[in-house]
Every structure is written in structure tokens, then in C-alpha cells.
Amino acid sequence: MKPTTRDSFCPHFQKAIELIGRRWSGSILRALLDGPLRFSEISARIPEISDRSLSLRLKELENETLVARHVESTQPVSVSYELTDKGLALEAVIAEVELWAHDWVAHSKAPRGHDRTSGVRGARA
């Protein structure tokens, strides 16, 4: 059931924002959009994340069924992570946040005006 107004508090929205808005969660999800990755590959794509933080976030995302952990019984054991269907469903959300970040965060010091054609502040053509 879709909400018809934004007048009231929505606990589902709040939980979703807190989940994907946790530090590093968005970057991990974004990295995994390219397909399954090993821990070290995710770490290499997010250079500022510590191994501890990456491990904690991966466990949280796995518990929320956004990420699946796959263990291959090879020598040595190989572990990879990939987005589940639930995680892949965030692709459009992540893409929109990325566009917003490039439009607004990257240029946050430059004031933006109204788009005269749409009347919406910062709208793209």
C-alpha cells in the first residue's frame, strides 16, 4: 500500500532510510551493483573503510537480506558477497542518490537557483 500523503510519519520509510543511510552502507551497496565481490575487492573500492566497519556493515546488510554471503569450499576458502533481489531493487534509488550527490553535494558551495522551465529548484532538463 503506497502512502497518499507525506503528512504523517511512516515507520517503513524511517527504517529504510536508517538502513541504507548508515555509514558505508550506501557505498557497499553501490559497489555490489557490479556483481559479486570478495571482501578485499569491496574494501579496495571503498578505500577509507576499515575492515571492522566493512565486516559489521556486511553482516547488517546480510541480516536485512540485502546482501547474500557465499562460501566456496576451496583451498583456501573463498567468500563472496552479492546483492539479493531485495538489494538489487535499490539500484534505481542508488542511481538517483548518486545523481543528486553530483548535482548538489559536489557543488554544495555554489548556490543553485530555480529552473525557470519547471519551477522546481535545481531541476534537470
C-alpha atoms as a PDB file:
ATOM      1  CA  MET A   1       0.000   0.000   0.000  1.00  0.00           C
ATOM      2  CA  LYS A   2       1.503   3.309  -1.070  1.00  0.00           C
ATOM      3  CA  PRO A   3       1.080   6.317   1.191  1.00  0.00           C
ATOM      4  CA  THR A   4      -1.045   9.065  -0.308  1.00  0.00           C
ATOM      5  CA  THR A   5       0.461  11.952   1.647  1.00  0.00           C
ATOM      6  CA  ARG A   6       3.680  12.773   3.413  1.00  0.00           C
ATOM      7  CA  ASP A   7       1.838  14.385   6.301  1.00  0.00           C
ATOM      8  CA  SER A   8       2.303  11.506   8.702  1.00  0.00           C
ATOM      9  CA  PHE A   9       5.272   9.590  10.000  1.00  0.00           C
ATOM     10  CA  CYS A  10       5.985   6.353   8.114  1.00  0.00           C
ATOM     11  CA  PRO A  11       7.924   3.792  10.146  1.00  0.00           C
ATOM     12  CA  HIS A  12       8.784   1.790   7.000  1.00  0.00           C
ATOM     13  CA  PHE A  13      10.374   4.831   5.380  1.00  0.00           C
ATOM     14  CA  GLN A  14      12.274   5.619   8.565  1.00  0.00           C
ATOM     15  CA  LYS A  15      13.660   2.082   8.822  1.00  0.00           C
ATOM     16  CA  ALA A  16      14.718   2.112   5.158  1.00  0.00           C
ATOM     17  CA  ILE A  17      16.463   5.480   5.463  1.00  0.00           C
ATOM     18  CA  GLU A  18      18.284   4.390   8.606  1.00  0.00           C
ATOM     19  CA  LEU A  19      19.341   1.114   6.988  1.00  0.00           C
ATOM     20  CA  ILE A  20      20.758   2.473   3.745  1.00  0.00           C
ATOM     21  CA  GLY A  21      21.889   5.696   5.400  1.00  0.00           C
ATOM     22  CA  ARG A  22      24.231   4.044   7.904  1.00  0.00           C
ATOM     23  CA  ARG A  23      27.841   4.940   7.407  1.00  0.00           C
ATOM     24  CA  TRP A  24      29.313   2.961   4.479  1.00  0.00           C
ATOM     25  CA  SER A  25      26.101   1.017   3.711  1.00  0.00           C
ATOM     26  CA  GLY A  26      25.335   3.000   0.575  1.00  0.00           C
ATOM     27  CA  SER A  27      28.881   2.646  -0.711  1.00  0.00           C
ATOM     28  CA  ILE A  28      28.839  -1.104  -0.103  1.00  0.00           C
ATOM     29  CA  LEU A  29      25.515  -1.498  -1.893  1.00  0.00           C
ATOM     30  CA  ARG A  30      26.762   0.664  -4.775  1.00  0.00           C
ATOM     31  CA  ALA A  31      29.933  -1.427  -5.119  1.00  0.00           C
ATOM     32  CA  LEU A  32      27.927  -4.655  -5.193  1.00  0.00           C
ATOM     33  CA  LEU A  33      25.734  -3.391  -8.034  1.00  0.00           C
ATOM     34  CA  ASP A  34      28.554  -4.503 -10.356  1.00  0.00           C
ATOM     35  CA  GLY A  35      28.130  -8.108  -9.222  1.00  0.00           C
ATOM     36  CA  PRO A  36      29.585 -10.472  -6.623  1.00  0.00           C
ATOM     37  CA  LEU A  37      32.767  -9.284  -4.904  1.00  0.00           C
ATOM     38  CA  ARG A  38      35.153 -10.655  -2.325  1.00  0.00           C
ATOM     39  CA  PHE A  39      35.742  -8.804   0.923  1.00  0.00           C
ATOM     40  CA  SER A  40      39.096  -7.468  -0.311  1.00  0.00           C
ATOM     41  CA  GLU A  41      37.528  -6.244  -3.560  1.00  0.00           C
ATOM     42  CA  ILE A  42      34.827  -4.335  -1.696  1.00  0.00           C
ATOM     43  CA  SER A  43      37.488  -2.887   0.597  1.00  0.00           C
ATOM     44  CA  ALA A  44      39.557  -1.773  -2.399  1.00  0.00           C
ATOM     45  CA  ARG A  45      36.542   0.039  -3.887  1.00  0.00           C
ATOM     46  CA  ILE A  46      35.924   1.902  -0.618  1.00  0.00           C
ATOM     47  CA  PRO A  47      39.463   2.892   0.427  1.00  0.00           C
ATOM     48  CA  GLU A  48      38.511   4.775   3.606  1.00  0.00           C
ATOM     49  CA  ILE A  49      36.525   1.918   5.207  1.00  0.00           C
ATOM     50  CA  SER A  50      38.188  -0.171   7.915  1.00  0.00           C
ATOM     51  CA  ASP A  51      37.990  -3.965   7.798  1.00  0.00           C
ATOM     52  CA  ARG A  52      35.988  -3.908  11.037  1.00  0.00           C
ATOM     53  CA  SER A  53      33.429  -1.438   9.665  1.00  0.00           C
ATOM     54  CA  LEU A  54      33.121  -3.364   6.410  1.00  0.00           C
ATOM     55  CA  SER A  55      32.592  -6.615   8.268  1.00  0.00           C
ATOM     56  CA  LEU A  56      29.931  -5.090  10.540  1.00  0.00           C
ATOM     57  CA  ARG A  57      28.046  -3.453   7.659  1.00  0.00           C
ATOM     58  CA  LEU A  58      28.128  -6.618   5.556  1.00  0.00           C
ATOM     59  CA  LYS A  59      26.657  -8.583   8.475  1.00  0.00           C
ATOM     60  CA  GLU A  60      23.918  -5.964   8.948  1.00  0.00           C
ATOM     61  CA  LEU A  61      23.082  -5.949   5.244  1.00  0.00           C
ATOM     62  CA  GLU A  62      23.067  -9.734   5.233  1.00  0.00           C
ATOM     63  CA  ASN A  63      20.725  -9.806   8.251  1.00  0.00           C
ATOM     64  CA  GLU A  64      18.384  -7.442   6.396  1.00  0.00           C
ATOM     65  CA  THR A  65      18.545  -9.788   3.360  1.00  0.00           C
ATOM     66  CA  LEU A  66      20.001  -7.118   1.094  1.00  0.00           C
ATOM     67  CA  VAL A  67      23.289  -8.976   0.700  1.00  0.00           C
ATOM     68  CA  ALA A  68      23.979 -12.696   0.396  1.00  0.00           C
ATOM     69  CA  ARG A  69      27.237 -14.268   1.559  1.00  0.00           C
ATOM     70  CA  HIS A  70      28.538 -17.219  -0.440  1.00  0.00           C
ATOM     71  CA  VAL A  71      31.248 -19.547   0.863  1.00  0.00           C
ATOM     72  CA  GLU A  72      33.042 -21.813  -1.590  1.00  0.00           C
ATOM     73  CA  SER A  73      34.859 -24.752  -0.060  1.00  0.00           C
ATOM     74  CA  THR A  74      38.066 -24.286  -1.990  1.00  0.00           C
ATOM     75  CA  GLN A  75      41.602 -24.176  -0.635  1.00  0.00           C
ATOM     76  CA  PRO A  76      41.773 -21.545   0.734  1.00  0.00           C
ATOM     77  CA  VAL A  77      38.079 -20.935   1.394  1.00  0.00           C
ATOM     78  CA  SER A  78      36.616 -18.257  -0.868  1.00  0.00           C
ATOM     79  CA  VAL A  79      33.882 -15.927   0.375  1.00  0.00           C
ATOM     80  CA  SER A  80      31.972 -13.544  -1.871  1.00  0.00           C
ATOM     81  CA  TYR A  81      29.107 -11.150  -1.357  1.00  0.00           C
ATOM     82  CA  GLU A  82      26.346 -10.181  -3.750  1.00  0.00           C
ATOM     83  CA  LEU A  83      23.104  -8.282  -3.704  1.00  0.00           C
ATOM     84  CA  THR A  84      19.897 -10.251  -3.291  1.00  0.00           C
ATOM     85  CA  ASP A  85      16.810  -9.369  -5.314  1.00  0.00           C
ATOM     86  CA  LYS A  86      15.827  -7.092  -2.419  1.00  0.00           C
ATOM     87  CA  GLY A  87      19.236  -5.379  -2.626  1.00  0.00           C
ATOM     88  CA  LEU A  88      19.116  -5.132  -6.415  1.00  0.00           C
ATOM     89  CA  ALA A  89      15.747  -3.391  -6.095  1.00  0.00           C
ATOM     90  CA  LEU A  90      17.677  -0.430  -4.640  1.00  0.00           C
ATOM     91  CA  GLU A  91      19.574   0.144  -7.903  1.00  0.00           C
ATOM     92  CA  ALA A  92      17.325   2.999  -9.060  1.00  0.00           C
ATOM     93  CA  VAL A  93      17.415   4.582  -5.596  1.00  0.00           C
ATOM     94  CA  ILE A  94      21.214   4.421  -5.509  1.00  0.00           C
ATOM     95  CA  ALA A  95      21.440   5.862  -9.036  1.00  0.00           C
ATOM     96  CA  GLU A  96      19.184   8.780  -8.075  1.00  0.00           C
ATOM     97  CA  VAL A  97      21.159   9.483  -4.899  1.00  0.00           C
ATOM     98  CA  GLU A  98      24.338   9.421  -6.991  1.00  0.00           C
ATOM     99  CA  LEU A  99      22.871  11.973  -9.430  1.00  0.00           C
ATOM    100  CA  TRP A 100      21.703  14.130  -6.540  1.00  0.00           C
ATOM    101  CA  ALA A 101      25.170  13.933  -4.972  1.00  0.00           C
ATOM    102  CA  HIS A 102      26.836  15.052  -8.204  1.00  0.00           C
ATOM    103  CA  ASP A 103      24.339  17.910  -8.622  1.00  0.00           C
ATOM    104  CA  TRP A 104      24.217  19.119  -5.046  1.00  0.00           C
ATOM    105  CA  VAL A 105      26.937  17.708  -2.801  1.00  0.00           C
ATOM    106  CA  ALA A 106      29.821  18.104  -5.231  1.00  0.00           C
ATOM    107  CA  HIS A 107      28.837  21.749  -5.740  1.00  0.00           C
ATOM    108  CA  SER A 108      27.429  22.470  -2.291  1.00  0.00           C
ATOM    109  CA  LYS A 109      29.282  25.779  -2.019  1.00  0.00           C
ATOM    110  CA  ALA A 110      27.744  27.152  -5.193  1.00  0.00           C
ATOM    111  CA  PRO A 111      24.173  28.417  -4.727  1.00  0.00           C
ATOM    112  CA  ARG A 112      21.639  26.938  -7.105  1.00  0.00           C
ATOM    113  CA  GLY A 113      18.663  28.794  -8.490  1.00  0.00           C
ATOM    114  CA  HIS A 114      15.252  27.804  -9.734  1.00  0.00           C
ATOM    115  CA  ASP A 115      14.882  26.146 -13.104  1.00  0.00           C
ATOM    116  CA  ARG A 116      12.656  28.615 -14.948  1.00  0.00           C
ATOM    117  CA  THR A 117      11.017  25.908 -17.088  1.00  0.00           C
ATOM    118  CA  SER A 118       9.773  23.685 -14.281  1.00  0.00           C
ATOM    119  CA  GLY A 119       9.705  25.993 -11.286  1.00  0.00           C
ATOM    120  CA  VAL A 120      11.482  23.307  -9.283  1.00  0.00           C
ATOM    121  CA  ARG A 121      14.676  24.263  -7.510  1.00  0.00           C
ATOM    122  CA  GLY A 122      17.668  22.526  -9.127  1.00  0.00           C
ATOM    123  CA  ALA A 123      15.587  20.541 -11.627  1.00  0.00           C
ATOM    124  CA  ARG A 124      17.358  18.892 -14.554  1.00  0.00           C
ATOM    125  CA  ALA A 125      16.158  19.072 -18.110  1.00  0.00           C
END
